Amino acid sequence: MRRALGWMLALTLLTGGAAACGSSSGDKASGTTVADGSDNGNGEVASSNKAVQEYCTAVDDYVDKVKAAKGDASKASALVADGQELSKKAAALGTAGLDADDLKAVQACTKKTTDALTG
């Protein structure tokens, strides 16, 4: 059951991540001083796009919850709503005016989630 739930969440996140990779026009959201495409020191690609930063922060929180829920069915089932919310955030990135470096950052963040769910 837990493994099936993990695969369903991974599929949901991958679908949302793929939707976020679509191109869109519009201005890029303002962000912090981190340069696009730079390595943040953790082997991850950083983004100055505020929407991408918020998504990656939400991913980190979700991954922490997934790790805490391993082996606990009640905690794992509570992650469904969190996974759906994260998927909505990923889908919303499709209208955030992402450039190639932002897409790399989104992909790196999404990979952390799928690794946590399937690992």
N, C-alpha and C. Protein backbone atom coordinates (compact mmCIF):
# COMPACT_ATOMS: atom_id res chain seq x y z
N MET A 1 0.83 -1.19 0.00
CA MET A 1 0.00 0.00 0.00
C MET A 1 0.87 1.25 0.00
N ARG A 2 1.87 1.29 0.88
CA ARG A 2 2.73 2.47 0.97
C ARG A 2 3.49 2.67 -0.33
N ARG A 3 3.96 1.60 -0.93
CA ARG A 3 4.70 1.71 -2.18
C ARG A 3 3.80 2.21 -3.30
N ALA A 4 2.57 1.71 -3.34
CA ALA A 4 1.62 2.17 -4.36
C ALA A 4 1.32 3.65 -4.17
N LEU A 5 1.15 4.08 -2.93
CA LEU A 5 0.91 5.48 -2.63
C LEU A 5 2.09 6.33 -3.08
N GLY A 6 3.28 5.84 -2.82
CA GLY A 6 4.48 6.55 -3.24
C GLY A 6 4.56 6.72 -4.75
N TRP A 7 4.23 5.68 -5.47
CA TRP A 7 4.26 5.76 -6.93
C TRP A 7 3.20 6.71 -7.45
N MET A 8 2.01 6.71 -6.82
CA MET A 8 0.96 7.63 -7.25
C MET A 8 1.40 9.07 -7.03
N LEU A 9 2.02 9.35 -5.89
CA LEU A 9 2.48 10.71 -5.61
C LEU A 9 3.61 11.10 -6.57
N ALA A 10 4.50 10.17 -6.84
CA ALA A 10 5.59 10.45 -7.77
C ALA A 10 5.04 10.77 -9.16
N LEU A 11 4.06 10.01 -9.60
CA LEU A 11 3.46 10.25 -10.90
C LEU A 11 2.78 11.61 -10.94
N THR A 12 2.08 11.95 -9.87
CA THR A 12 1.42 13.25 -9.79
C THR A 12 2.43 14.38 -9.87
N LEU A 13 3.52 14.25 -9.13
CA LEU A 13 4.55 15.29 -9.15
C LEU A 13 5.25 15.38 -10.48
N LEU A 14 5.52 14.24 -11.10
CA LEU A 14 6.16 14.27 -12.41
C LEU A 14 5.27 14.91 -13.45
N THR A 15 3.97 14.63 -13.37
CA THR A 15 3.02 15.23 -14.30
C THR A 15 2.98 16.74 -14.11
N GLY A 16 2.94 17.16 -12.85
CA GLY A 16 2.95 18.59 -12.56
C GLY A 16 4.25 19.24 -12.98
N GLY A 17 5.36 18.53 -12.77
CA GLY A 17 6.66 19.06 -13.18
C GLY A 17 6.76 19.20 -14.68
N ALA A 18 6.18 18.25 -15.40
CA ALA A 18 6.20 18.32 -16.86
C ALA A 18 5.37 19.51 -17.33
N ALA A 19 4.25 19.76 -16.66
CA ALA A 19 3.42 20.91 -17.01
C ALA A 19 4.18 22.20 -16.75
N ALA A 20 4.97 22.22 -15.71
CA ALA A 20 5.74 23.42 -15.36
C ALA A 20 6.85 23.68 -16.37
N CYS A 21 7.25 22.68 -17.12
CA CYS A 21 8.33 22.84 -18.08
C CYS A 21 7.87 23.45 -19.38
N GLY A 22 6.57 23.68 -19.54
CA GLY A 22 6.07 24.29 -20.75
C GLY A 22 6.51 25.74 -20.83
N SER A 23 6.60 26.26 -22.05
CA SER A 23 7.03 27.64 -22.19
C SER A 23 5.84 28.56 -22.02
N SER A 24 6.12 29.74 -21.54
CA SER A 24 5.08 30.74 -21.41
C SER A 24 5.72 32.11 -21.54
N SER A 25 4.92 33.09 -21.90
CA SER A 25 5.45 34.44 -21.98
C SER A 25 5.13 35.16 -20.69
N GLY A 26 5.80 36.24 -20.46
CA GLY A 26 5.56 37.01 -19.24
C GLY A 26 6.85 37.38 -18.59
N ASP A 27 6.75 38.27 -17.63
CA ASP A 27 7.93 38.72 -16.92
C ASP A 27 8.31 37.72 -15.86
N LYS A 28 9.56 37.68 -15.58
CA LYS A 28 10.10 36.81 -14.56
C LYS A 28 9.86 37.45 -13.20
N ALA A 29 9.44 36.67 -12.23
CA ALA A 29 9.21 37.21 -10.89
C ALA A 29 10.53 37.65 -10.28
N SER A 30 10.47 38.70 -9.48
CA SER A 30 11.71 39.16 -8.86
C SER A 30 12.11 38.18 -7.77
N GLY A 31 13.40 38.10 -7.54
CA GLY A 31 13.88 37.13 -6.57
C GLY A 31 15.00 37.68 -5.73
N THR A 32 15.86 36.80 -5.28
CA THR A 32 16.96 37.19 -4.42
C THR A 32 18.21 37.42 -5.25
N THR A 33 19.34 37.51 -4.60
CA THR A 33 20.57 37.83 -5.30
C THR A 33 21.27 36.61 -5.89
N VAL A 34 20.71 35.42 -5.74
CA VAL A 34 21.32 34.23 -6.31
C VAL A 34 21.20 34.30 -7.83
N ALA A 35 22.28 34.07 -8.51
CA ALA A 35 22.28 34.16 -9.97
C ALA A 35 21.62 32.94 -10.59
N ASP A 36 20.92 33.15 -11.70
CA ASP A 36 20.30 32.04 -12.41
C ASP A 36 21.36 31.05 -12.84
N GLY A 37 21.07 29.78 -12.68
CA GLY A 37 21.94 28.74 -13.17
C GLY A 37 23.17 28.51 -12.34
N SER A 38 23.32 29.23 -11.23
CA SER A 38 24.51 29.03 -10.41
C SER A 38 24.31 27.85 -9.48
N ASP A 39 25.39 27.25 -9.10
CA ASP A 39 25.34 26.15 -8.15
C ASP A 39 25.29 26.75 -6.75
N ASN A 40 24.32 26.33 -5.93
CA ASN A 40 24.16 26.92 -4.62
C ASN A 40 25.07 26.29 -3.56
N GLY A 41 26.00 25.47 -3.97
CA GLY A 41 26.92 24.86 -3.03
C GLY A 41 26.49 23.48 -2.59
N ASN A 42 25.26 23.12 -2.86
CA ASN A 42 24.75 21.79 -2.51
C ASN A 42 24.61 20.91 -3.74
N GLY A 43 25.21 21.32 -4.84
CA GLY A 43 25.09 20.55 -6.07
C GLY A 43 23.77 20.76 -6.77
N GLU A 44 23.04 21.79 -6.37
CA GLU A 44 21.74 22.07 -6.96
C GLU A 44 21.84 23.36 -7.75
N VAL A 45 21.03 23.46 -8.80
CA VAL A 45 20.99 24.68 -9.59
C VAL A 45 20.04 25.64 -8.90
N ALA A 46 20.50 26.86 -8.65
CA ALA A 46 19.69 27.86 -7.97
C ALA A 46 18.97 28.73 -8.99
N SER A 47 17.92 29.39 -8.54
CA SER A 47 17.15 30.27 -9.40
C SER A 47 16.85 31.55 -8.64
N SER A 48 16.78 32.66 -9.36
CA SER A 48 16.39 33.92 -8.75
C SER A 48 14.88 34.15 -8.88
N ASN A 49 14.19 33.24 -9.56
CA ASN A 49 12.74 33.35 -9.73
C ASN A 49 12.06 33.00 -8.41
N LYS A 50 11.30 33.93 -7.87
CA LYS A 50 10.66 33.74 -6.57
C LYS A 50 9.73 32.52 -6.56
N ALA A 51 9.00 32.30 -7.64
CA ALA A 51 8.09 31.16 -7.71
C ALA A 51 8.86 29.84 -7.65
N VAL A 52 10.00 29.79 -8.30
CA VAL A 52 10.83 28.58 -8.27
C VAL A 52 11.40 28.38 -6.87
N GLN A 53 11.85 29.45 -6.24
CA GLN A 53 12.38 29.35 -4.89
C GLN A 53 11.32 28.83 -3.92
N GLU A 54 10.09 29.34 -4.05
CA GLU A 54 9.00 28.89 -3.18
C GLU A 54 8.68 27.41 -3.43
N TYR A 55 8.69 27.01 -4.69
CA TYR A 55 8.44 25.60 -5.02
C TYR A 55 9.52 24.71 -4.41
N CYS A 56 10.77 25.11 -4.56
CA CYS A 56 11.87 24.29 -4.04
C CYS A 56 11.84 24.23 -2.50
N THR A 57 11.44 25.30 -1.86
CA THR A 57 11.29 25.29 -0.40
C THR A 57 10.17 24.33 -0.01
N ALA A 58 9.06 24.35 -0.75
CA ALA A 58 7.95 23.43 -0.48
C ALA A 58 8.39 21.99 -0.71
N VAL A 59 9.22 21.76 -1.73
CA VAL A 59 9.75 20.42 -2.00
C VAL A 59 10.59 19.95 -0.82
N ASP A 60 11.46 20.81 -0.32
CA ASP A 60 12.31 20.43 0.81
C ASP A 60 11.47 20.06 2.04
N ASP A 61 10.42 20.84 2.28
CA ASP A 61 9.52 20.54 3.41
C ASP A 61 8.83 19.20 3.20
N TYR A 62 8.38 18.96 1.97
CA TYR A 62 7.68 17.72 1.65
C TYR A 62 8.62 16.52 1.79
N VAL A 63 9.84 16.66 1.31
CA VAL A 63 10.82 15.57 1.41
C VAL A 63 11.09 15.24 2.87
N ASP A 64 11.18 16.26 3.72
CA ASP A 64 11.37 16.02 5.16
C ASP A 64 10.20 15.23 5.73
N LYS A 65 8.98 15.57 5.32
CA LYS A 65 7.79 14.85 5.79
C LYS A 65 7.79 13.41 5.30
N VAL A 66 8.21 13.20 4.05
CA VAL A 66 8.26 11.85 3.49
C VAL A 66 9.25 11.00 4.27
N LYS A 67 10.40 11.57 4.56
CA LYS A 67 11.41 10.83 5.32
C LYS A 67 10.92 10.50 6.72
N ALA A 68 10.20 11.42 7.34
CA ALA A 68 9.66 11.19 8.68
C ALA A 68 8.54 10.15 8.68
N ALA A 69 7.86 10.01 7.54
CA ALA A 69 6.72 9.10 7.46
C ALA A 69 7.10 7.68 7.07
N LYS A 70 8.33 7.46 6.68
CA LYS A 70 8.72 6.10 6.27
C LYS A 70 8.44 5.12 7.39
N GLY A 71 7.71 4.07 7.04
CA GLY A 71 7.38 3.02 7.99
C GLY A 71 6.16 3.32 8.84
N ASP A 72 5.52 4.48 8.66
CA ASP A 72 4.34 4.84 9.44
C ASP A 72 3.19 5.11 8.47
N ALA A 73 2.29 4.15 8.36
CA ALA A 73 1.20 4.23 7.37
C ALA A 73 0.31 5.44 7.59
N SER A 74 0.05 5.81 8.84
CA SER A 74 -0.84 6.95 9.09
C SER A 74 -0.19 8.26 8.63
N LYS A 75 1.10 8.41 8.86
CA LYS A 75 1.79 9.61 8.38
C LYS A 75 1.87 9.61 6.86
N ALA A 76 2.10 8.44 6.28
CA ALA A 76 2.21 8.35 4.82
C ALA A 76 0.89 8.72 4.15
N SER A 77 -0.21 8.28 4.71
CA SER A 77 -1.51 8.61 4.10
C SER A 77 -1.81 10.10 4.23
N ALA A 78 -1.29 10.75 5.27
CA ALA A 78 -1.48 12.18 5.44
C ALA A 78 -0.70 12.98 4.39
N LEU A 79 0.26 12.36 3.76
CA LEU A 79 1.06 13.05 2.75
C LEU A 79 0.34 13.24 1.42
N VAL A 80 -0.79 12.57 1.25
CA VAL A 80 -1.50 12.68 -0.03
C VAL A 80 -1.89 14.13 -0.29
N ALA A 81 -2.48 14.79 0.69
CA ALA A 81 -2.90 16.18 0.51
C ALA A 81 -1.69 17.08 0.27
N ASP A 82 -0.60 16.83 0.99
CA ASP A 82 0.61 17.62 0.79
C ASP A 82 1.17 17.41 -0.61
N GLY A 83 1.11 16.18 -1.10
CA GLY A 83 1.58 15.88 -2.45
C GLY A 83 0.74 16.56 -3.51
N GLN A 84 -0.57 16.61 -3.29
CA GLN A 84 -1.45 17.28 -4.23
C GLN A 84 -1.18 18.78 -4.26
N GLU A 85 -0.94 19.37 -3.09
CA GLU A 85 -0.63 20.79 -3.00
C GLU A 85 0.69 21.09 -3.72
N LEU A 86 1.66 20.24 -3.52
CA LEU A 86 2.95 20.41 -4.18
C LEU A 86 2.80 20.29 -5.70
N SER A 87 1.96 19.38 -6.13
CA SER A 87 1.71 19.22 -7.56
C SER A 87 1.06 20.48 -8.14
N LYS A 88 0.15 21.10 -7.40
CA LYS A 88 -0.47 22.34 -7.85
C LYS A 88 0.58 23.45 -7.99
N LYS A 89 1.51 23.50 -7.03
CA LYS A 89 2.57 24.50 -7.10
C LYS A 89 3.44 24.27 -8.33
N ALA A 90 3.72 23.01 -8.63
CA ALA A 90 4.53 22.69 -9.80
C ALA A 90 3.79 23.10 -11.08
N ALA A 91 2.51 22.83 -11.14
CA ALA A 91 1.73 23.18 -12.32
C ALA A 91 1.65 24.70 -12.49
N ALA A 92 1.58 25.42 -11.38
CA ALA A 92 1.51 26.88 -11.44
C ALA A 92 2.78 27.50 -12.01
N LEU A 93 3.87 26.77 -11.94
CA LEU A 93 5.12 27.29 -12.49
C LEU A 93 5.06 27.45 -14.01
N GLY A 94 4.09 26.80 -14.63
CA GLY A 94 3.93 26.91 -16.08
C GLY A 94 3.61 28.33 -16.53
N THR A 95 3.12 29.16 -15.62
CA THR A 95 2.79 30.54 -15.96
C THR A 95 3.72 31.53 -15.26
N ALA A 96 4.85 31.04 -14.76
CA ALA A 96 5.76 31.88 -13.98
C ALA A 96 6.88 32.48 -14.83
N GLY A 97 6.84 32.34 -16.13
CA GLY A 97 7.86 32.93 -17.00
C GLY A 97 9.23 32.33 -16.78
N LEU A 98 9.31 31.00 -16.74
CA LEU A 98 10.58 30.33 -16.47
C LEU A 98 11.51 30.34 -17.67
N ASP A 99 12.79 30.53 -17.40
CA ASP A 99 13.79 30.40 -18.46
C ASP A 99 14.49 29.05 -18.29
N ALA A 100 15.48 28.79 -19.11
CA ALA A 100 16.14 27.48 -19.10
C ALA A 100 16.78 27.16 -17.75
N ASP A 101 17.39 28.17 -17.10
CA ASP A 101 18.01 27.93 -15.81
C ASP A 101 16.97 27.63 -14.73
N ASP A 102 15.82 28.33 -14.81
CA ASP A 102 14.73 28.06 -13.86
C ASP A 102 14.23 26.63 -14.04
N LEU A 103 14.12 26.18 -15.29
CA LEU A 103 13.66 24.82 -15.55
C LEU A 103 14.61 23.79 -14.95
N LYS A 104 15.91 24.07 -15.04
CA LYS A 104 16.89 23.16 -14.43
C LYS A 104 16.69 23.10 -12.92
N ALA A 105 16.42 24.24 -12.31
CA ALA A 105 16.21 24.27 -10.86
C ALA A 105 14.94 23.51 -10.49
N VAL A 106 13.87 23.68 -11.26
CA VAL A 106 12.62 22.97 -11.00
C VAL A 106 12.83 21.47 -11.15
N GLN A 107 13.55 21.06 -12.18
CA GLN A 107 13.81 19.64 -12.39
C GLN A 107 14.62 19.06 -11.23
N ALA A 108 15.61 19.81 -10.75
CA ALA A 108 16.42 19.33 -9.63
C ALA A 108 15.57 19.18 -8.38
N CYS A 109 14.69 20.13 -8.14
CA CYS A 109 13.82 20.05 -6.96
C CYS A 109 12.84 18.89 -7.09
N THR A 110 12.25 18.74 -8.26
CA THR A 110 11.29 17.65 -8.47
C THR A 110 11.97 16.30 -8.32
N LYS A 111 13.22 16.20 -8.75
CA LYS A 111 13.96 14.94 -8.61
C LYS A 111 14.13 14.57 -7.14
N LYS A 112 14.35 15.57 -6.28
CA LYS A 112 14.48 15.28 -4.85
C LYS A 112 13.21 14.62 -4.32
N THR A 113 12.06 15.09 -4.79
CA THR A 113 10.79 14.52 -4.34
C THR A 113 10.62 13.10 -4.83
N THR A 114 10.87 12.89 -6.11
CA THR A 114 10.68 11.53 -6.64
C THR A 114 11.68 10.57 -6.02
N ASP A 115 12.91 11.03 -5.75
CA ASP A 115 13.89 10.18 -5.08
C ASP A 115 13.42 9.80 -3.67
N ALA A 116 12.85 10.76 -2.96
CA ALA A 116 12.38 10.49 -1.60
C ALA A 116 11.20 9.51 -1.61
N LEU A 117 10.33 9.62 -2.62
CA LEU A 117 9.16 8.76 -2.68
C LEU A 117 9.49 7.35 -3.16
N THR A 118 10.47 7.23 -4.02
CA THR A 118 10.76 5.92 -4.59
C THR A 118 11.97 5.26 -3.95
N GLY A 119 12.72 6.01 -3.18
CA GLY A 119 13.96 5.48 -2.60
C GLY A 119 13.82 4.81 -1.29
